[in-house]
Amino acid sequence: VQLQASGGGLVQAGGSLRLSCAASGNIFSINDMGWYRQAPGKQRELVAIITNGGVIKYGDSVKGRFTISRENAKKTAYLQMNSLKPEDTGVYYCHGAITTYTRREYWGQGTQVTVSS
């Protein structure tokens, strides 16, 4: 199983970016998909996660600005990030709770998001 993240980049404060996370491999089902982020010198934190039933949880700092969605047929989740702030800067890691022969957690390679002031 692989998780391929894309869509990071450099944007000015107030701008928008859209991240994608595509899962591939011998997948039976995808339970949760989402993103965590890590800023330099800080711990990894939850950004947003969506279950296969559509239940969504956001980190407190992104509520009202970020929107997570998923297309099950494409095994892909999306993170629309609006009103970006410099404190949103960090490496964004795609995460999935995926069942092949067993259920386990997988991480993508990370994509850099930089928000300039």
C-alpha atoms as a PDB file:
ATOM      1  CA  VAL A   1       0.000   0.000   0.000  1.00  0.00           C
ATOM      2  CA  GLN A   2       1.224   3.483  -0.864  1.00  0.00           C
ATOM      3  CA  LEU A   3      -0.160   6.919  -0.093  1.00  0.00           C
ATOM      4  CA  GLN A   4       0.862   9.570  -2.605  1.00  0.00           C
ATOM      5  CA  ALA A   5       0.397  13.149  -1.500  1.00  0.00           C
ATOM      6  CA  SER A   6       0.516  16.123  -3.835  1.00  0.00           C
ATOM      7  CA  GLY A   7      -0.436  19.775  -4.024  1.00  0.00           C
ATOM      8  CA  GLY A   8       1.869  21.473  -1.555  1.00  0.00           C
ATOM      9  CA  GLY A   9       3.775  24.640  -2.358  1.00  0.00           C
ATOM     10  CA  LEU A  10       4.442  28.245  -1.517  1.00  0.00           C
ATOM     11  CA  VAL A  11       1.548  30.681  -1.097  1.00  0.00           C
ATOM     12  CA  GLN A  12       1.018  34.098   0.412  1.00  0.00           C
ATOM     13  CA  ALA A  13      -1.020  34.565   3.554  1.00  0.00           C
ATOM     14  CA  GLY A  14      -4.712  34.584   2.734  1.00  0.00           C
ATOM     15  CA  GLY A  15      -4.218  32.301  -0.245  1.00  0.00           C
ATOM     16  CA  SER A  16      -5.396  28.768  -0.916  1.00  0.00           C
ATOM     17  CA  LEU A  17      -3.940  25.361  -1.690  1.00  0.00           C
ATOM     18  CA  ARG A  18      -5.484  21.980  -2.350  1.00  0.00           C
ATOM     19  CA  LEU A  19      -3.794  18.783  -1.261  1.00  0.00           C
ATOM     20  CA  SER A  20      -4.572  15.339  -2.638  1.00  0.00           C
ATOM     21  CA  CYS A  21      -3.792  11.936  -1.159  1.00  0.00           C
ATOM     22  CA  ALA A  22      -4.193   8.893  -3.362  1.00  0.00           C
ATOM     23  CA  ALA A  23      -3.988   5.349  -2.015  1.00  0.00           C
ATOM     24  CA  SER A  24      -2.831   2.458  -4.155  1.00  0.00           C
ATOM     25  CA  GLY A  25      -2.034  -1.199  -3.714  1.00  0.00           C
ATOM     26  CA  ASN A  26      -3.845  -4.347  -2.676  1.00  0.00           C
ATOM     27  CA  ILE A  27      -6.556  -2.568  -0.692  1.00  0.00           C
ATOM     28  CA  PHE A  28      -9.658  -4.238   0.679  1.00  0.00           C
ATOM     29  CA  SER A  29     -11.095  -1.109   2.285  1.00  0.00           C
ATOM     30  CA  ILE A  30     -10.062   2.350   3.435  1.00  0.00           C
ATOM     31  CA  ASN A  31     -11.371   3.368   6.810  1.00  0.00           C
ATOM     32  CA  ASP A  32      -9.975   6.772   7.776  1.00  0.00           C
ATOM     33  CA  MET A  33      -8.014   9.151   5.549  1.00  0.00           C
ATOM     34  CA  GLY A  34      -6.606  12.514   6.436  1.00  0.00           C
ATOM     35  CA  TRP A  35      -3.661  14.772   7.107  1.00  0.00           C
ATOM     36  CA  TYR A  36      -1.360  15.583   9.938  1.00  0.00           C
ATOM     37  CA  ARG A  37       1.248  18.323   9.837  1.00  0.00           C
ATOM     38  CA  GLN A  38       4.531  19.044  11.525  1.00  0.00           C
ATOM     39  CA  ALA A  39       6.160  22.437  11.818  1.00  0.00           C
ATOM     40  CA  PRO A  40       9.874  22.792  12.624  1.00  0.00           C
ATOM     41  CA  GLY A  41      10.481  22.147  16.306  1.00  0.00           C
ATOM     42  CA  LYS A  42       6.900  21.085  16.954  1.00  0.00           C
ATOM     43  CA  GLN A  43       5.074  17.812  17.352  1.00  0.00           C
ATOM     44  CA  ARG A  44       2.989  16.330  14.579  1.00  0.00           C
ATOM     45  CA  GLU A  45      -0.634  17.433  14.928  1.00  0.00           C
ATOM     46  CA  LEU A  46      -3.980  16.505  13.438  1.00  0.00           C
ATOM     47  CA  VAL A  47      -5.183  18.695  10.582  1.00  0.00           C
ATOM     48  CA  ALA A  48      -8.254  16.800   9.395  1.00  0.00           C
ATOM     49  CA  ILE A  49      -9.523  13.270   9.082  1.00  0.00           C
ATOM     50  CA  ILE A  50     -12.549  11.732   7.371  1.00  0.00           C
ATOM     51  CA  THR A  51     -13.974   8.264   7.912  1.00  0.00           C
ATOM     52  CA  ASN A  52     -15.435   6.041   5.205  1.00  0.00           C
ATOM     53  CA  GLY A  53     -18.830   6.990   6.614  1.00  0.00           C
ATOM     54  CA  GLY A  54     -18.152  10.685   6.123  1.00  0.00           C
ATOM     55  CA  VAL A  55     -17.530  11.627   9.753  1.00  0.00           C
ATOM     56  CA  ILE A  56     -15.034  14.483   9.864  1.00  0.00           C
ATOM     57  CA  LYS A  57     -12.762  15.823  12.550  1.00  0.00           C
ATOM     58  CA  TYR A  58     -10.658  18.975  12.242  1.00  0.00           C
ATOM     59  CA  GLY A  59      -7.839  20.317  14.321  1.00  0.00           C
ATOM     60  CA  ASP A  60      -8.936  23.379  16.267  1.00  0.00           C
ATOM     61  CA  SER A  61      -6.583  25.718  14.435  1.00  0.00           C
ATOM     62  CA  VAL A  62      -7.997  24.942  10.977  1.00  0.00           C
ATOM     63  CA  LYS A  63     -11.735  24.805  11.680  1.00  0.00           C
ATOM     64  CA  GLY A  64     -13.669  27.069   9.339  1.00  0.00           C
ATOM     65  CA  ARG A  65     -10.740  27.428   6.919  1.00  0.00           C
ATOM     66  CA  PHE A  66      -9.933  23.886   5.754  1.00  0.00           C
ATOM     67  CA  THR A  67     -12.288  21.363   4.180  1.00  0.00           C
ATOM     68  CA  ILE A  68     -11.580  17.655   3.820  1.00  0.00           C
ATOM     69  CA  SER A  69     -13.391  15.389   1.363  1.00  0.00           C
ATOM     70  CA  ARG A  70     -12.856  12.014  -0.274  1.00  0.00           C
ATOM     71  CA  GLU A  71     -13.743  10.097  -3.408  1.00  0.00           C
ATOM     72  CA  ASN A  72     -13.967   6.451  -2.425  1.00  0.00           C
ATOM     73  CA  ALA A  73     -13.984   5.168  -5.994  1.00  0.00           C
ATOM     74  CA  LYS A  74     -10.643   6.898  -6.597  1.00  0.00           C
ATOM     75  CA  LYS A  75      -9.262   6.003  -3.152  1.00  0.00           C
ATOM     76  CA  THR A  76      -8.395   9.679  -2.836  1.00  0.00           C
ATOM     77  CA  ALA A  77      -8.859  12.307  -0.164  1.00  0.00           C
ATOM     78  CA  TYR A  78      -8.605  16.055  -0.660  1.00  0.00           C
ATOM     79  CA  LEU A  79      -7.800  18.933   1.653  1.00  0.00           C
ATOM     80  CA  GLN A  80      -8.921  22.367   0.527  1.00  0.00           C
ATOM     81  CA  MET A  81      -7.013  24.967   2.518  1.00  0.00           C
ATOM     82  CA  ASN A  82      -8.306  28.539   2.427  1.00  0.00           C
ATOM     83  CA  SER A  83      -7.329  31.708   4.286  1.00  0.00           C
ATOM     84  CA  LEU A  84      -3.890  30.280   4.875  1.00  0.00           C
ATOM     85  CA  LYS A  85      -1.759  31.743   7.649  1.00  0.00           C
ATOM     86  CA  PRO A  86       2.014  31.661   8.188  1.00  0.00           C
ATOM     87  CA  GLU A  87       1.418  29.330  11.140  1.00  0.00           C
ATOM     88  CA  ASP A  88      -0.013  26.763   8.711  1.00  0.00           C
ATOM     89  CA  THR A  89       3.513  26.282   7.379  1.00  0.00           C
ATOM     90  CA  GLY A  90       4.860  22.770   7.761  1.00  0.00           C
ATOM     91  CA  VAL A  91       5.144  19.341   6.221  1.00  0.00           C
ATOM     92  CA  TYR A  92       1.740  17.796   5.647  1.00  0.00           C
ATOM     93  CA  TYR A  93       1.569  14.026   5.928  1.00  0.00           C
ATOM     94  CA  CYS A  94      -1.186  11.976   4.413  1.00  0.00           C
ATOM     95  CA  HIS A  95      -2.485   9.254   6.718  1.00  0.00           C
ATOM     96  CA  GLY A  96      -4.727   6.289   6.122  1.00  0.00           C
ATOM     97  CA  ALA A  97      -6.215   3.475   8.182  1.00  0.00           C
ATOM     98  CA  ILE A  98      -6.392   0.791   5.521  1.00  0.00           C
ATOM     99  CA  THR A  99      -7.390  -2.846   5.478  1.00  0.00           C
ATOM    100  CA  THR A 100      -5.552  -5.264   3.233  1.00  0.00           C
ATOM    101  CA  TYR A 101      -5.326  -8.654   4.937  1.00  0.00           C
ATOM    102  CA  THR A 102      -5.257  -6.772   8.229  1.00  0.00           C
ATOM    103  CA  ARG A 103      -6.003  -3.212   9.252  1.00  0.00           C
ATOM    104  CA  ARG A 104      -3.060  -0.918   9.882  1.00  0.00           C
ATOM    105  CA  GLU A 105      -2.008   2.694   9.540  1.00  0.00           C
ATOM    106  CA  TYR A 106      -0.047   4.045   6.609  1.00  0.00           C
ATOM    107  CA  TRP A 107       1.749   7.355   6.055  1.00  0.00           C
ATOM    108  CA  GLY A 108       2.572   9.216   2.869  1.00  0.00           C
ATOM    109  CA  GLN A 109       5.904  10.863   2.189  1.00  0.00           C
ATOM    110  CA  GLY A 110       4.865  14.384   3.221  1.00  0.00           C
ATOM    111  CA  THR A 111       4.395  17.511   1.184  1.00  0.00           C
ATOM    112  CA  GLN A 112       5.725  20.943   2.132  1.00  0.00           C
ATOM    113  CA  VAL A 113       3.308  23.832   2.610  1.00  0.00           C
ATOM    114  CA  THR A 114       4.872  27.258   3.097  1.00  0.00           C
ATOM    115  CA  VAL A 115       2.771  30.342   3.784  1.00  0.00           C
ATOM    116  CA  SER A 116       4.578  33.657   3.538  1.00  0.00           C
ATOM    117  CA  SER A 117       3.470  36.746   5.429  1.00  0.00           C
END
